[in-house]
Amino acid sequence: MLDPEITVEAYNQLRQQPSAPLLLDVREPWEVATASIPGAVNIPMGEITSRAHTELDPDQPIVVLCHHGARSLSVTMWLRNQGFDHAQSLAGGIDHWSRVIDPSVPLY
């Protein structure tokens, strides 16, 4: 089974592949408006349980994103328990992404 977390560096390489994982942003809409990564699908953490099975493909690789990595890890573990075996949390969240990969993404 995949490691529950993926580094920002590893995800940055994967996202450039034709079969890139879905980037699932579980932050609140105001957070997404403040800072985001293009192409991410936003389903706030509080809505995951009611939307995951209708809006996500359990066979598709999914990288879950939040601010610092705690919410995304929690959602990743829930998704895995629901049969989404290819879900991984982006370690350090969008904050770490901004610091290491893309400094144009605002810190908040």
Protein backbone atom coordinates (compact mmCIF):
# COMPACT_ATOMS: atom_id res chain seq x y z
CA MET A 1 0.00 0.00 0.00
CA LEU A 2 1.12 3.56 -0.68
CA ASP A 3 2.58 5.66 2.10
CA PRO A 4 -0.20 7.80 3.63
CA GLU A 5 1.75 10.97 2.79
CA ILE A 6 3.48 12.24 -0.34
CA THR A 7 6.10 14.98 -0.36
CA VAL A 8 5.53 18.20 -2.26
CA GLU A 9 8.53 17.35 -4.43
CA ALA A 10 7.15 13.92 -5.37
CA TYR A 11 3.69 15.32 -6.08
CA ASN A 12 5.18 18.10 -8.21
CA GLN A 13 6.75 15.43 -10.44
CA LEU A 14 3.56 13.32 -10.57
CA ARG A 15 1.32 16.24 -11.48
CA GLN A 16 3.23 16.72 -14.72
CA GLN A 17 2.49 13.16 -15.88
CA PRO A 18 -0.43 12.34 -18.22
CA SER A 19 -1.98 10.16 -15.50
CA ALA A 20 -1.56 12.77 -12.75
CA PRO A 21 -3.45 12.17 -9.51
CA LEU A 22 -6.53 14.19 -8.69
CA LEU A 23 -5.65 17.03 -6.30
CA LEU A 24 -8.40 17.19 -3.67
CA ASP A 25 -8.38 20.39 -1.62
CA VAL A 26 -10.25 19.88 1.66
CA ARG A 27 -9.88 23.45 2.92
CA GLU A 28 -12.76 25.88 3.33
CA PRO A 29 -13.75 28.03 0.32
CA TRP A 30 -12.27 31.20 1.89
CA GLU A 31 -8.92 29.40 2.21
CA VAL A 32 -9.03 28.28 -1.42
CA ALA A 33 -9.78 31.89 -2.45
CA THR A 34 -6.71 33.01 -0.47
CA ALA A 35 -4.24 30.46 -1.88
CA SER A 36 -4.69 27.56 -4.26
CA ILE A 37 -3.00 25.20 -6.67
CA PRO A 38 -4.51 25.26 -10.19
CA GLY A 39 -6.59 22.23 -11.09
CA ALA A 40 -7.51 21.25 -7.53
CA VAL A 41 -11.03 20.04 -6.76
CA ASN A 42 -12.42 21.62 -3.58
CA ILE A 43 -14.53 19.51 -1.25
CA PRO A 44 -14.28 20.98 2.28
CA MET A 45 -13.41 18.46 4.98
CA GLY A 46 -16.86 18.76 6.55
CA GLU A 47 -18.48 17.65 3.28
CA ILE A 48 -16.22 14.70 2.43
CA THR A 49 -18.42 12.04 4.03
CA SER A 50 -21.47 13.14 2.06
CA ARG A 51 -19.74 13.80 -1.29
CA ALA A 52 -16.80 11.38 -1.63
CA HIS A 53 -18.71 8.38 -2.93
CA THR A 54 -20.58 10.39 -5.57
CA GLU A 55 -17.81 12.74 -6.72
CA LEU A 56 -14.56 10.75 -6.38
CA ASP A 57 -13.33 7.61 -8.14
CA PRO A 58 -11.98 5.04 -5.65
CA ASP A 59 -9.63 3.66 -8.32
CA GLN A 60 -8.05 7.03 -9.16
CA PRO A 61 -4.91 8.23 -7.38
CA ILE A 62 -5.86 11.18 -5.14
CA VAL A 63 -3.57 13.64 -3.38
CA VAL A 64 -5.38 15.40 -0.54
CA LEU A 65 -4.40 18.98 0.29
CA CYS A 66 -5.04 21.29 3.24
CA HIS A 67 -3.20 24.18 4.93
CA HIS A 68 -0.47 22.34 6.89
CA GLY A 69 -1.24 18.63 6.35
CA ALA A 70 -3.31 17.65 9.39
CA ARG A 71 -6.80 17.80 7.86
CA SER A 72 -5.59 16.20 4.65
CA LEU A 73 -4.03 13.29 6.55
CA SER A 74 -7.27 12.77 8.46
CA VAL A 75 -9.29 12.81 5.21
CA THR A 76 -6.76 10.49 3.54
CA MET A 77 -7.14 7.91 6.30
CA TRP A 78 -10.95 8.16 6.12
CA LEU A 79 -10.85 7.75 2.32
CA ARG A 80 -8.61 4.69 2.65
CA ASN A 81 -11.04 3.17 5.13
CA GLN A 82 -13.77 3.73 2.52
CA GLY A 83 -11.85 1.88 -0.21
CA PHE A 84 -9.95 4.77 -1.78
CA ASP A 85 -6.65 2.88 -1.57
CA HIS A 86 -4.73 5.34 -3.74
CA ALA A 87 -5.32 8.41 -1.54
CA GLN A 88 -2.30 10.24 -0.12
CA SER A 89 -1.96 13.41 1.93
CA LEU A 90 0.30 16.22 0.70
CA ALA A 91 2.84 16.50 3.54
CA GLY A 92 3.04 20.04 4.89
CA GLY A 93 0.01 21.20 2.91
CA ILE A 94 -0.21 24.27 0.74
CA ASP A 95 2.00 26.13 3.20
CA HIS A 96 4.92 23.79 2.44
CA TRP A 97 4.06 23.88 -1.28
CA SER A 98 4.38 27.69 -1.20
CA ARG A 99 7.70 27.56 0.63
CA VAL A 100 9.34 24.81 -1.46
CA ILE A 101 7.69 24.55 -4.89
CA ASP A 102 5.78 27.72 -5.82
CA PRO A 103 6.46 30.92 -3.88
CA SER A 104 3.80 32.72 -5.95
CA VAL A 105 1.16 30.88 -3.88
CA PRO A 106 0.41 33.21 -0.94
CA LEU A 107 1.15 32.17 2.62
CA TYR A 108 -1.61 32.71 5.17
